[in-house]
Amino acid sequence: MSIQDGPDPGELLRCGRHADALLDQVAAGQAGQYDAHQSDCVHCQAALAEYERLWAPMRQLAAQKIAAPEGRIDRIMQRLRGALSEPDYALLTDPAGTTRIAARVILVTARHGAQAVPGVRVALSRALDPPSSGAPVSIGVVGESVAIEITLAADYGRDLALLAEHVRTVVADRIHRTTGLHAATVTVIIDDVLT
């Protein structure tokens, strides 16, 4: 059925009312609230009564209180607190134990990844290099997620938007392959072009 075709005749009651409209009325809990037509229409009244009967199990299911399994919320909260407890480390947990990866390691990985992209001349980090070296690589780590900002200098004449996209892709892939972490965001700042 398309909008141009109108309702499927099989979905209409004998009185011409659309069955979906009556089902919506039942789902909204208004099966007993007849409009002017329904007050005098045996077809609508019968359909509303039947839909209400068939909908009753759904209403019962919706009324049930859902409870999390024993200890589930505590385990989730413990994992959240654990992820936030070490802001200078990413945490990879598995049944065998926990691996802590320093933010410095991720910075080095990101910097080397960016410098491997053709057209990138320099990707520097104040956190890793002497203060006179230039622009920073900034990083945020929580649990297995990383947000990183890289400032770099590019070759003059390059398509800078394309270069930035390539740097984002390479850095995210390098971080994942090297550390197993997920780079949620990689922000590229092109601060200079060099000839």
N, C-alpha and C. Protein backbone atom coordinates (compact mmCIF):
# COMPACT_ATOMS: atom_id res chain seq x y z
N MET A 1 0.84 -1.18 0.00
CA MET A 1 0.00 0.00 0.00
C MET A 1 0.88 1.23 0.00
N SER A 2 0.55 2.22 -0.82
CA SER A 2 1.27 3.49 -0.80
C SER A 2 0.30 4.58 -0.38
N ILE A 3 0.84 5.73 -0.09
CA ILE A 3 -0.01 6.85 0.33
C ILE A 3 -0.99 7.21 -0.78
N GLN A 4 -0.56 7.12 -2.03
CA GLN A 4 -1.43 7.47 -3.14
C GLN A 4 -2.58 6.47 -3.30
N ASP A 5 -2.33 5.21 -2.97
CA ASP A 5 -3.34 4.18 -3.17
C ASP A 5 -4.46 4.25 -2.15
N GLY A 6 -4.20 4.82 -0.99
CA GLY A 6 -5.17 4.83 0.08
C GLY A 6 -5.09 3.54 0.87
N PRO A 7 -5.97 3.37 1.86
CA PRO A 7 -5.89 2.18 2.70
C PRO A 7 -6.20 0.91 1.93
N ASP A 8 -5.60 -0.17 2.36
CA ASP A 8 -5.86 -1.48 1.81
C ASP A 8 -7.28 -1.87 2.19
N PRO A 9 -8.12 -2.26 1.21
CA PRO A 9 -9.51 -2.60 1.53
C PRO A 9 -9.62 -3.70 2.57
N GLY A 10 -8.64 -4.59 2.64
CA GLY A 10 -8.67 -5.65 3.64
C GLY A 10 -8.50 -5.14 5.05
N GLU A 11 -8.00 -3.90 5.20
CA GLU A 11 -7.78 -3.32 6.52
C GLU A 11 -8.95 -2.45 6.96
N LEU A 12 -9.97 -2.35 6.14
CA LEU A 12 -11.13 -1.54 6.48
C LEU A 12 -12.23 -2.42 7.05
N LEU A 13 -12.93 -1.89 8.04
CA LEU A 13 -14.12 -2.58 8.54
C LEU A 13 -15.24 -2.39 7.53
N ARG A 14 -16.33 -3.12 7.68
CA ARG A 14 -17.45 -3.02 6.74
C ARG A 14 -18.05 -1.63 6.71
N CYS A 15 -17.88 -0.89 7.81
CA CYS A 15 -18.43 0.48 7.88
C CYS A 15 -17.50 1.49 7.21
N GLY A 16 -16.30 1.06 6.82
CA GLY A 16 -15.36 1.97 6.17
C GLY A 16 -14.26 2.51 7.08
N ARG A 17 -14.35 2.24 8.37
CA ARG A 17 -13.30 2.69 9.30
C ARG A 17 -12.06 1.82 9.13
N HIS A 18 -10.90 2.43 9.30
CA HIS A 18 -9.62 1.73 9.17
C HIS A 18 -9.32 0.97 10.46
N ALA A 19 -8.98 -0.31 10.33
CA ALA A 19 -8.70 -1.15 11.50
C ALA A 19 -7.53 -0.63 12.32
N ASP A 20 -6.50 -0.07 11.66
CA ASP A 20 -5.34 0.44 12.40
C ASP A 20 -5.72 1.56 13.35
N ALA A 21 -6.67 2.40 12.95
CA ALA A 21 -7.09 3.50 13.83
C ALA A 21 -7.75 2.95 15.09
N LEU A 22 -8.52 1.88 14.93
CA LEU A 22 -9.17 1.27 16.10
C LEU A 22 -8.13 0.59 16.99
N LEU A 23 -7.15 -0.05 16.39
CA LEU A 23 -6.10 -0.69 17.17
C LEU A 23 -5.30 0.36 17.95
N ASP A 24 -5.01 1.50 17.32
CA ASP A 24 -4.34 2.59 18.02
C ASP A 24 -5.17 3.07 19.22
N GLN A 25 -6.47 3.14 19.03
CA GLN A 25 -7.38 3.56 20.10
C GLN A 25 -7.31 2.58 21.27
N VAL A 26 -7.26 1.29 20.98
CA VAL A 26 -7.16 0.26 22.02
C VAL A 26 -5.82 0.35 22.72
N ALA A 27 -4.74 0.50 21.96
CA ALA A 27 -3.40 0.58 22.54
C ALA A 27 -3.27 1.79 23.46
N ALA A 28 -3.99 2.85 23.15
CA ALA A 28 -3.97 4.06 23.98
C ALA A 28 -4.86 3.92 25.22
N GLY A 29 -5.53 2.77 25.36
CA GLY A 29 -6.38 2.55 26.53
C GLY A 29 -7.74 3.23 26.42
N GLN A 30 -8.20 3.48 25.19
CA GLN A 30 -9.46 4.21 24.99
C GLN A 30 -10.50 3.38 24.23
N ALA A 31 -10.45 2.06 24.40
CA ALA A 31 -11.39 1.19 23.68
C ALA A 31 -12.84 1.49 24.04
N GLY A 32 -13.11 1.88 25.26
CA GLY A 32 -14.48 2.14 25.68
C GLY A 32 -14.94 3.57 25.45
N GLN A 33 -14.10 4.40 24.87
CA GLN A 33 -14.46 5.80 24.61
C GLN A 33 -14.82 5.96 23.14
N TYR A 34 -16.08 5.73 22.83
CA TYR A 34 -16.54 5.76 21.45
C TYR A 34 -16.70 7.19 20.95
N ASP A 35 -16.34 7.40 19.66
CA ASP A 35 -16.66 8.68 19.04
C ASP A 35 -18.10 8.59 18.53
N ALA A 36 -18.59 9.63 17.88
CA ALA A 36 -20.00 9.66 17.44
C ALA A 36 -20.32 8.49 16.52
N HIS A 37 -19.44 8.18 15.57
CA HIS A 37 -19.68 7.07 14.65
C HIS A 37 -19.70 5.74 15.40
N GLN A 38 -18.72 5.52 16.27
CA GLN A 38 -18.59 4.25 16.98
C GLN A 38 -19.76 4.00 17.92
N SER A 39 -20.37 5.05 18.42
CA SER A 39 -21.52 4.87 19.33
C SER A 39 -22.68 4.15 18.66
N ASP A 40 -22.81 4.31 17.34
CA ASP A 40 -23.91 3.70 16.61
C ASP A 40 -23.48 2.57 15.68
N CYS A 41 -22.17 2.22 15.65
CA CYS A 41 -21.66 1.26 14.67
C CYS A 41 -21.31 -0.06 15.34
N VAL A 42 -22.07 -1.11 14.99
CA VAL A 42 -21.81 -2.43 15.57
C VAL A 42 -20.47 -2.99 15.09
N HIS A 43 -20.03 -2.62 13.89
CA HIS A 43 -18.75 -3.11 13.37
C HIS A 43 -17.58 -2.57 14.21
N CYS A 44 -17.61 -1.28 14.47
CA CYS A 44 -16.55 -0.66 15.29
C CYS A 44 -16.60 -1.19 16.72
N GLN A 45 -17.79 -1.32 17.28
CA GLN A 45 -17.91 -1.80 18.66
C GLN A 45 -17.37 -3.22 18.78
N ALA A 46 -17.70 -4.08 17.81
CA ALA A 46 -17.22 -5.47 17.84
C ALA A 46 -15.69 -5.50 17.67
N ALA A 47 -15.16 -4.69 16.75
CA ALA A 47 -13.72 -4.66 16.53
C ALA A 47 -12.99 -4.14 17.77
N LEU A 48 -13.51 -3.09 18.38
CA LEU A 48 -12.88 -2.54 19.58
C LEU A 48 -12.88 -3.56 20.71
N ALA A 49 -13.99 -4.28 20.88
CA ALA A 49 -14.07 -5.30 21.93
C ALA A 49 -13.07 -6.43 21.67
N GLU A 50 -12.98 -6.88 20.42
CA GLU A 50 -12.05 -7.95 20.09
C GLU A 50 -10.60 -7.51 20.23
N TYR A 51 -10.29 -6.31 19.73
CA TYR A 51 -8.92 -5.79 19.86
C TYR A 51 -8.55 -5.61 21.33
N GLU A 52 -9.49 -5.17 22.13
CA GLU A 52 -9.23 -5.00 23.57
C GLU A 52 -8.92 -6.36 24.20
N ARG A 53 -9.69 -7.39 23.82
CA ARG A 53 -9.45 -8.74 24.35
C ARG A 53 -8.07 -9.24 23.93
N LEU A 54 -7.74 -9.05 22.66
CA LEU A 54 -6.45 -9.52 22.15
C LEU A 54 -5.27 -8.70 22.70
N TRP A 55 -5.52 -7.45 23.02
CA TRP A 55 -4.47 -6.56 23.52
C TRP A 55 -4.21 -6.74 25.02
N ALA A 56 -5.11 -7.38 25.74
CA ALA A 56 -5.00 -7.53 27.20
C ALA A 56 -3.66 -8.13 27.64
N PRO A 57 -3.15 -9.19 27.00
CA PRO A 57 -1.84 -9.70 27.43
C PRO A 57 -0.71 -8.67 27.29
N MET A 58 -0.79 -7.84 26.26
CA MET A 58 0.22 -6.80 26.08
C MET A 58 0.13 -5.78 27.21
N ARG A 59 -1.07 -5.42 27.58
CA ARG A 59 -1.28 -4.46 28.68
C ARG A 59 -0.76 -5.05 29.99
N GLN A 60 -1.00 -6.36 30.22
CA GLN A 60 -0.50 -7.01 31.43
C GLN A 60 1.03 -7.03 31.44
N LEU A 61 1.62 -7.32 30.31
CA LEU A 61 3.07 -7.34 30.21
C LEU A 61 3.65 -5.95 30.49
N ALA A 62 3.03 -4.93 29.94
CA ALA A 62 3.50 -3.56 30.15
C ALA A 62 3.37 -3.13 31.60
N ALA A 63 2.41 -3.70 32.32
CA ALA A 63 2.19 -3.33 33.72
C ALA A 63 3.17 -4.00 34.68
N GLN A 64 3.87 -5.03 34.21
CA GLN A 64 4.80 -5.73 35.09
C GLN A 64 6.00 -4.86 35.42
N LYS A 65 6.40 -4.92 36.68
CA LYS A 65 7.58 -4.18 37.12
C LYS A 65 8.81 -4.99 36.71
N ILE A 66 9.73 -4.31 36.07
CA ILE A 66 10.97 -4.94 35.62
C ILE A 66 12.04 -4.69 36.68
N ALA A 67 12.72 -5.73 37.07
CA ALA A 67 13.80 -5.59 38.05
C ALA A 67 15.09 -6.15 37.44
N ALA A 68 16.17 -5.45 37.68
CA ALA A 68 17.47 -5.92 37.20
C ALA A 68 17.87 -7.16 38.00
N PRO A 69 18.58 -8.09 37.37
CA PRO A 69 19.05 -9.27 38.10
C PRO A 69 19.90 -8.86 39.31
N GLU A 70 19.89 -9.71 40.31
CA GLU A 70 20.62 -9.47 41.55
C GLU A 70 22.06 -9.05 41.29
N GLY A 71 22.46 -7.92 41.81
CA GLY A 71 23.84 -7.46 41.73
C GLY A 71 24.23 -6.80 40.41
N ARG A 72 23.36 -6.80 39.43
CA ARG A 72 23.69 -6.26 38.10
C ARG A 72 24.01 -4.76 38.17
N ILE A 73 23.17 -4.00 38.85
CA ILE A 73 23.39 -2.56 38.94
C ILE A 73 24.68 -2.27 39.69
N ASP A 74 24.95 -3.02 40.75
CA ASP A 74 26.21 -2.83 41.49
C ASP A 74 27.42 -3.10 40.61
N ARG A 75 27.36 -4.14 39.78
CA ARG A 75 28.48 -4.44 38.89
C ARG A 75 28.68 -3.34 37.85
N ILE A 76 27.59 -2.82 37.32
CA ILE A 76 27.68 -1.74 36.34
C ILE A 76 28.29 -0.50 36.99
N MET A 77 27.82 -0.15 38.18
CA MET A 77 28.36 1.02 38.87
C MET A 77 29.83 0.83 39.21
N GLN A 78 30.22 -0.37 39.59
CA GLN A 78 31.62 -0.65 39.90
C GLN A 78 32.49 -0.45 38.66
N ARG A 79 32.02 -0.91 37.52
CA ARG A 79 32.78 -0.73 36.28
C ARG A 79 32.88 0.75 35.91
N LEU A 80 31.79 1.50 36.11
CA LEU A 80 31.83 2.94 35.82
C LEU A 80 32.82 3.65 36.73
N ARG A 81 32.76 3.35 38.01
CA ARG A 81 33.70 3.98 38.96
C ARG A 81 35.13 3.59 38.62
N GLY A 82 35.35 2.34 38.25
CA GLY A 82 36.69 1.89 37.89
C GLY A 82 37.23 2.61 36.68
N ALA A 83 36.38 2.82 35.69
CA ALA A 83 36.82 3.51 34.47
C ALA A 83 37.22 4.95 34.77
N LEU A 84 36.54 5.57 35.71
CA LEU A 84 36.81 6.97 36.03
C LEU A 84 37.90 7.14 37.08
N SER A 85 38.34 6.05 37.69
CA SER A 85 39.27 6.15 38.82
C SER A 85 40.70 6.45 38.41
N GLU A 86 41.07 6.20 37.18
CA GLU A 86 42.46 6.41 36.76
C GLU A 86 42.48 7.24 35.47
N PRO A 87 42.40 8.57 35.60
CA PRO A 87 42.30 9.41 34.41
C PRO A 87 43.55 9.43 33.53
N ASP A 88 44.69 8.96 34.04
CA ASP A 88 45.91 8.94 33.23
C ASP A 88 46.14 7.59 32.57
N TYR A 89 45.19 6.68 32.73
CA TYR A 89 45.34 5.33 32.18
C TYR A 89 44.06 4.88 31.51
N ALA A 90 44.21 4.17 30.40
CA ALA A 90 43.09 3.45 29.81
C ALA A 90 43.10 2.06 30.45
N LEU A 91 41.92 1.50 30.62
CA LEU A 91 41.81 0.20 31.27
C LEU A 91 41.13 -0.80 30.34
N LEU A 92 41.81 -1.90 30.09
CA LEU A 92 41.24 -3.00 29.32
C LEU A 92 41.04 -4.15 30.29
N THR A 93 39.80 -4.57 30.45
CA THR A 93 39.54 -5.67 31.38
C THR A 93 39.02 -6.88 30.62
N ASP A 94 39.45 -8.04 31.06
CA ASP A 94 38.93 -9.30 30.55
C ASP A 94 39.01 -10.31 31.69
N PRO A 95 38.50 -11.51 31.51
CA PRO A 95 38.49 -12.48 32.60
C PRO A 95 39.87 -12.78 33.18
N ALA A 96 40.93 -12.62 32.38
CA ALA A 96 42.28 -12.93 32.86
C ALA A 96 42.87 -11.81 33.72
N GLY A 97 42.30 -10.61 33.65
CA GLY A 97 42.81 -9.50 34.45
C GLY A 97 42.60 -8.16 33.77
N THR A 98 43.30 -7.14 34.29
CA THR A 98 43.17 -5.78 33.79
C THR A 98 44.51 -5.31 33.23
N THR A 99 44.45 -4.64 32.09
CA THR A 99 45.64 -4.04 31.50
C THR A 99 45.48 -2.53 31.59
N ARG A 100 46.48 -1.86 32.17
CA ARG A 100 46.48 -0.40 32.26
C ARG A 100 47.45 0.13 31.21
N ILE A 101 46.96 1.05 30.38
CA ILE A 101 47.81 1.65 29.35
C ILE A 101 47.88 3.14 29.63
N ALA A 102 49.09 3.64 29.86
CA ALA A 102 49.29 5.05 30.18
C ALA A 102 48.90 5.94 29.01
N ALA A 103 48.35 7.11 29.33
CA ALA A 103 47.99 8.08 28.30
C ALA A 103 49.20 8.43 27.45
N ARG A 104 50.38 8.45 28.05
CA ARG A 104 51.62 8.76 27.32
C ARG A 104 51.83 7.76 26.17
N VAL A 105 51.54 6.50 26.40
CA VAL A 105 51.70 5.48 25.35
C VAL A 105 50.75 5.76 24.20
N ILE A 106 49.54 6.15 24.52
CA ILE A 106 48.55 6.45 23.48
C ILE A 106 48.97 7.70 22.71
N LEU A 107 49.52 8.69 23.42
CA LEU A 107 50.02 9.90 22.76
C LEU A 107 51.11 9.58 21.75
N VAL A 108 52.07 8.77 22.16
CA VAL A 108 53.16 8.39 21.26
C VAL A 108 52.60 7.65 20.05
N THR A 109 51.69 6.74 20.29
CA THR A 109 51.07 5.98 19.20
C THR A 109 50.36 6.91 18.23
N ALA A 110 49.60 7.86 18.75
CA ALA A 110 48.87 8.80 17.90
C ALA A 110 49.83 9.68 17.11
N ARG A 111 50.87 10.17 17.76
CA ARG A 111 51.83 11.04 17.10
C ARG A 111 52.53 10.30 15.96
N HIS A 112 52.99 9.08 16.22
CA HIS A 112 53.65 8.30 15.17
C HIS A 112 52.68 7.97 14.03
N GLY A 113 51.44 7.69 14.38
CA GLY A 113 50.44 7.43 13.34
C GLY A 113 50.23 8.64 12.46
N ALA A 114 50.12 9.83 13.06
CA ALA A 114 49.91 11.06 12.29
C ALA A 114 51.12 11.35 11.41
N GLN A 115 52.32 11.16 11.94
CA GLN A 115 53.53 11.46 11.18
C GLN A 115 53.74 10.48 10.02
N ALA A 116 53.10 9.34 10.07
CA ALA A 116 53.21 8.36 8.99
C ALA A 116 52.36 8.71 7.78
N VAL A 117 51.45 9.67 7.93
CA VAL A 117 50.56 10.05 6.83
C VAL A 117 51.32 10.98 5.87
N PRO A 118 51.36 10.63 4.58
CA PRO A 118 52.02 11.51 3.61
C PRO A 118 51.37 12.89 3.62
N GLY A 119 52.21 13.92 3.70
CA GLY A 119 51.70 15.29 3.73
C GLY A 119 51.77 15.91 5.11
N VAL A 120 51.97 15.09 6.14
CA VAL A 120 52.13 15.61 7.50
C VAL A 120 53.62 15.82 7.72
N ARG A 121 53.99 17.05 8.04
CA ARG A 121 55.40 17.34 8.27
C ARG A 121 55.77 17.11 9.73
N VAL A 122 54.93 17.60 10.65
CA VAL A 122 55.25 17.53 12.07
C VAL A 122 53.97 17.32 12.86
N ALA A 123 54.00 16.38 13.80
CA ALA A 123 52.93 16.22 14.78
C ALA A 123 53.64 16.19 16.13
N LEU A 124 53.45 17.22 16.91
CA LEU A 124 54.22 17.38 18.14
C LEU A 124 53.34 17.25 19.37
N SER A 125 54.01 17.05 20.50
CA SER A 125 53.31 16.93 21.77
C SER A 125 54.11 17.59 22.86
N ARG A 126 53.54 18.59 23.49
CA ARG A 126 54.19 19.25 24.60
C ARG A 126 54.35 18.30 25.77
N ALA A 127 53.42 17.38 25.91
CA ALA A 127 53.48 16.43 27.02
C ALA A 127 54.65 15.46 26.87
N LEU A 128 55.13 15.25 25.66
CA LEU A 128 56.18 14.27 25.42
C LEU A 128 57.52 14.91 25.08
N ASP A 129 57.48 16.12 24.53
CA ASP A 129 58.68 16.77 24.05
C ASP A 129 59.01 17.95 24.96
N PRO A 130 60.20 18.52 24.84
CA PRO A 130 60.52 19.73 25.60
C PRO A 130 59.53 20.84 25.26
N PRO A 131 59.28 21.78 26.19
CA PRO A 131 58.28 22.82 25.97
C PRO A 131 58.50 23.65 24.72
N SER A 132 59.70 23.76 24.21
CA SER A 132 59.95 24.58 23.04
C SER A 132 59.55 23.89 21.73
N SER A 133 59.12 22.65 21.80
CA SER A 133 58.90 21.88 20.57
C SER A 133 57.65 22.25 19.81
N GLY A 134 56.68 22.91 20.41
CA GLY A 134 55.54 23.34 19.61
C GLY A 134 54.21 22.83 20.11
N ALA A 135 53.36 22.46 19.15
CA ALA A 135 51.95 22.20 19.40
C ALA A 135 51.70 20.88 20.11
N PRO A 136 50.64 20.82 20.90
CA PRO A 136 50.39 19.64 21.72
C PRO A 136 49.53 18.58 21.03
N VAL A 137 49.67 17.39 21.55
CA VAL A 137 48.70 16.33 21.31
C VAL A 137 47.99 16.19 22.64
N SER A 138 46.69 16.47 22.68
CA SER A 138 45.93 16.37 23.93
C SER A 138 45.13 15.08 23.90
N ILE A 139 44.93 14.50 25.07
CA ILE A 139 44.24 13.21 25.13
C ILE A 139 43.36 13.12 26.36
N GLY A 140 42.24 12.45 26.19
CA GLY A 140 41.37 12.08 27.30
C GLY A 140 41.16 10.58 27.23
N VAL A 141 41.34 9.90 28.34
CA VAL A 141 41.13 8.45 28.38
C VAL A 141 40.21 8.10 29.52
N VAL A 142 39.23 7.26 29.24
CA VAL A 142 38.33 6.71 30.26
C VAL A 142 38.02 5.29 29.84
N GLY A 143 38.42 4.34 30.67
CA GLY A 143 38.16 2.93 30.37
C GLY A 143 38.83 2.52 29.07
N GLU A 144 38.03 2.12 28.08
CA GLU A 144 38.55 1.68 26.79
C GLU A 144 38.38 2.73 25.70
N SER A 145 37.93 3.93 26.07
CA SER A 145 37.66 4.97 25.08
C SER A 145 38.69 6.09 25.18
N VAL A 146 39.02 6.63 24.01
CA VAL A 146 40.04 7.68 23.90
C VAL A 146 39.48 8.82 23.06
N ALA A 147 39.70 10.05 23.51
CA ALA A 147 39.44 11.24 22.70
C ALA A 147 40.77 11.95 22.57
N ILE A 148 41.16 12.27 21.36
CA ILE A 148 42.50 12.83 21.14
C ILE A 148 42.44 14.03 20.21
N GLU A 149 43.30 14.99 20.47
CA GLU A 149 43.41 16.19 19.64
C GLU A 149 44.87 16.31 19.21
N ILE A 150 45.11 16.35 17.92
CA ILE A 150 46.46 16.40 17.37
C ILE A 150 46.63 17.71 16.62
N THR A 151 47.70 18.43 16.93
CA THR A 151 48.04 19.64 16.19
C THR A 151 49.25 19.32 15.32
N LEU A 152 49.17 19.72 14.05
CA LEU A 152 50.25 19.35 13.14
C LEU A 152 50.52 20.43 12.10
N ALA A 153 51.65 20.27 11.42
CA ALA A 153 52.01 21.10 10.27
C ALA A 153 51.96 20.20 9.04
N ALA A 154 51.44 20.77 7.95
CA ALA A 154 51.26 19.99 6.73
C ALA A 154 52.11 20.55 5.60
N ASP A 155 52.32 19.73 4.58
CA ASP A 155 53.00 20.20 3.37
C ASP A 155 52.10 21.22 2.67
N TYR A 156 52.70 22.30 2.19
CA TYR A 156 51.97 23.31 1.43
C TYR A 156 51.43 22.68 0.14
N GLY A 157 50.21 23.03 -0.22
CA GLY A 157 49.62 22.56 -1.46
C GLY A 157 48.74 21.33 -1.32
N ARG A 158 48.71 20.73 -0.15
CA ARG A 158 47.87 19.54 0.08
C ARG A 158 46.41 19.95 0.27
N ASP A 159 45.50 19.04 -0.05
CA ASP A 159 44.09 19.22 0.28
C ASP A 159 43.98 18.98 1.78
N LEU A 160 43.84 20.05 2.55
CA LEU A 160 43.92 19.94 4.01
C LEU A 160 42.75 19.17 4.62
N ALA A 161 41.57 19.31 4.04
CA ALA A 161 40.42 18.56 4.57
C ALA A 161 40.63 17.06 4.36
N LEU A 162 41.11 16.69 3.19
CA LEU A 162 41.39 15.29 2.90
C LEU A 162 42.53 14.76 3.78
N LEU A 163 43.55 15.58 3.97
CA LEU A 163 44.67 15.20 4.83
C LEU A 163 44.19 14.96 6.26
N ALA A 164 43.37 15.87 6.78
CA ALA A 164 42.85 15.72 8.15
C ALA A 164 42.04 14.43 8.29
N GLU A 165 41.22 14.13 7.29
CA GLU A 165 40.42 12.90 7.34
C GLU A 165 41.32 11.67 7.32
N HIS A 166 42.37 11.71 6.51
CA HIS A 166 43.31 10.59 6.44
C HIS A 166 44.04 10.43 7.78
N VAL A 167 44.45 11.54 8.39
CA VAL A 167 45.11 11.48 9.71
C VAL A 167 44.16 10.86 10.74
N ARG A 168 42.90 11.30 10.74
CA ARG A 168 41.91 10.74 11.69
C ARG A 168 41.81 9.23 11.55
N THR A 169 41.69 8.77 10.30
CA THR A 169 41.54 7.34 10.05
C THR A 169 42.78 6.56 10.48
N VAL A 170 43.96 7.05 10.10
CA VAL A 170 45.20 6.35 10.44
C VAL A 170 45.43 6.33 11.94
N VAL A 171 45.21 7.46 12.60
CA VAL A 171 45.44 7.53 14.06
C VAL A 171 44.48 6.60 14.80
N ALA A 172 43.20 6.64 14.45
CA ALA A 172 42.22 5.76 15.12
C ALA A 172 42.58 4.30 14.91
N ASP A 173 42.96 3.94 13.68
CA ASP A 173 43.34 2.56 13.39
C ASP A 173 44.61 2.17 14.14
N ARG A 174 45.61 3.04 14.16
CA ARG A 174 46.87 2.75 14.84
C ARG A 174 46.64 2.57 16.34
N ILE A 175 45.82 3.43 16.93
CA ILE A 175 45.52 3.30 18.37
C ILE A 175 44.85 1.97 18.64
N HIS A 176 43.89 1.61 17.80
CA HIS A 176 43.16 0.35 18.02
C HIS A 176 44.08 -0.86 17.84
N ARG A 177 44.86 -0.86 16.76
CA ARG A 177 45.74 -2.01 16.50
C ARG A 177 46.84 -2.14 17.56
N THR A 178 47.35 -1.03 18.05
CA THR A 178 48.45 -1.07 19.00
C THR A 178 47.98 -1.34 20.43
N THR A 179 46.86 -0.75 20.81
CA THR A 179 46.43 -0.82 22.22
C THR A 179 45.14 -1.58 22.45
N GLY A 180 44.33 -1.76 21.41
CA GLY A 180 43.02 -2.38 21.58
C GLY A 180 41.96 -1.39 22.03
N LEU A 181 42.31 -0.11 22.12
CA LEU A 181 41.37 0.92 22.57
C LEU A 181 40.58 1.47 21.40
N HIS A 182 39.45 2.10 21.73
CA HIS A 182 38.57 2.70 20.74
C HIS A 182 38.77 4.21 20.76
N ALA A 183 39.19 4.78 19.62
CA ALA A 183 39.33 6.24 19.51
C ALA A 183 37.96 6.81 19.19
N ALA A 184 37.27 7.32 20.21
CA ALA A 184 35.93 7.86 20.03
C ALA A 184 35.95 9.10 19.15
N THR A 185 36.92 9.99 19.37
CA THR A 185 37.09 11.16 18.52
C THR A 185 38.57 11.42 18.30
N VAL A 186 38.88 11.84 17.09
CA VAL A 186 40.23 12.28 16.76
C VAL A 186 40.06 13.65 16.10
N THR A 187 40.44 14.70 16.81
CA THR A 187 40.35 16.06 16.30
C THR A 187 41.71 16.45 15.75
N VAL A 188 41.73 16.93 14.52
CA VAL A 188 42.98 17.32 13.86
C VAL A 188 42.99 18.84 13.71
N ILE A 189 44.04 19.46 14.22
CA ILE A 189 44.23 20.91 14.08
C ILE A 189 45.47 21.11 13.20
N ILE A 190 45.27 21.71 12.04
CA ILE A 190 46.40 22.01 11.16
C ILE A 190 46.81 23.44 11.46
N ASP A 191 47.93 23.57 12.15
CA ASP A 191 48.38 24.85 12.69
C ASP A 191 49.33 25.59 11.76
N ASP A 192 49.90 24.88 10.79
CA ASP A 192 50.87 25.52 9.90
C ASP A 192 51.02 24.68 8.64
N VAL A 193 51.47 25.34 7.57
CA VAL A 193 51.85 24.64 6.35
C VAL A 193 53.30 24.99 6.05
N LEU A 194 54.06 24.01 5.60
CA LEU A 194 55.49 24.21 5.35
C LEU A 194 55.79 23.95 3.89
N THR A 195 56.71 24.74 3.35
CA THR A 195 57.09 24.57 1.94
C THR A 195 58.39 23.81 1.84
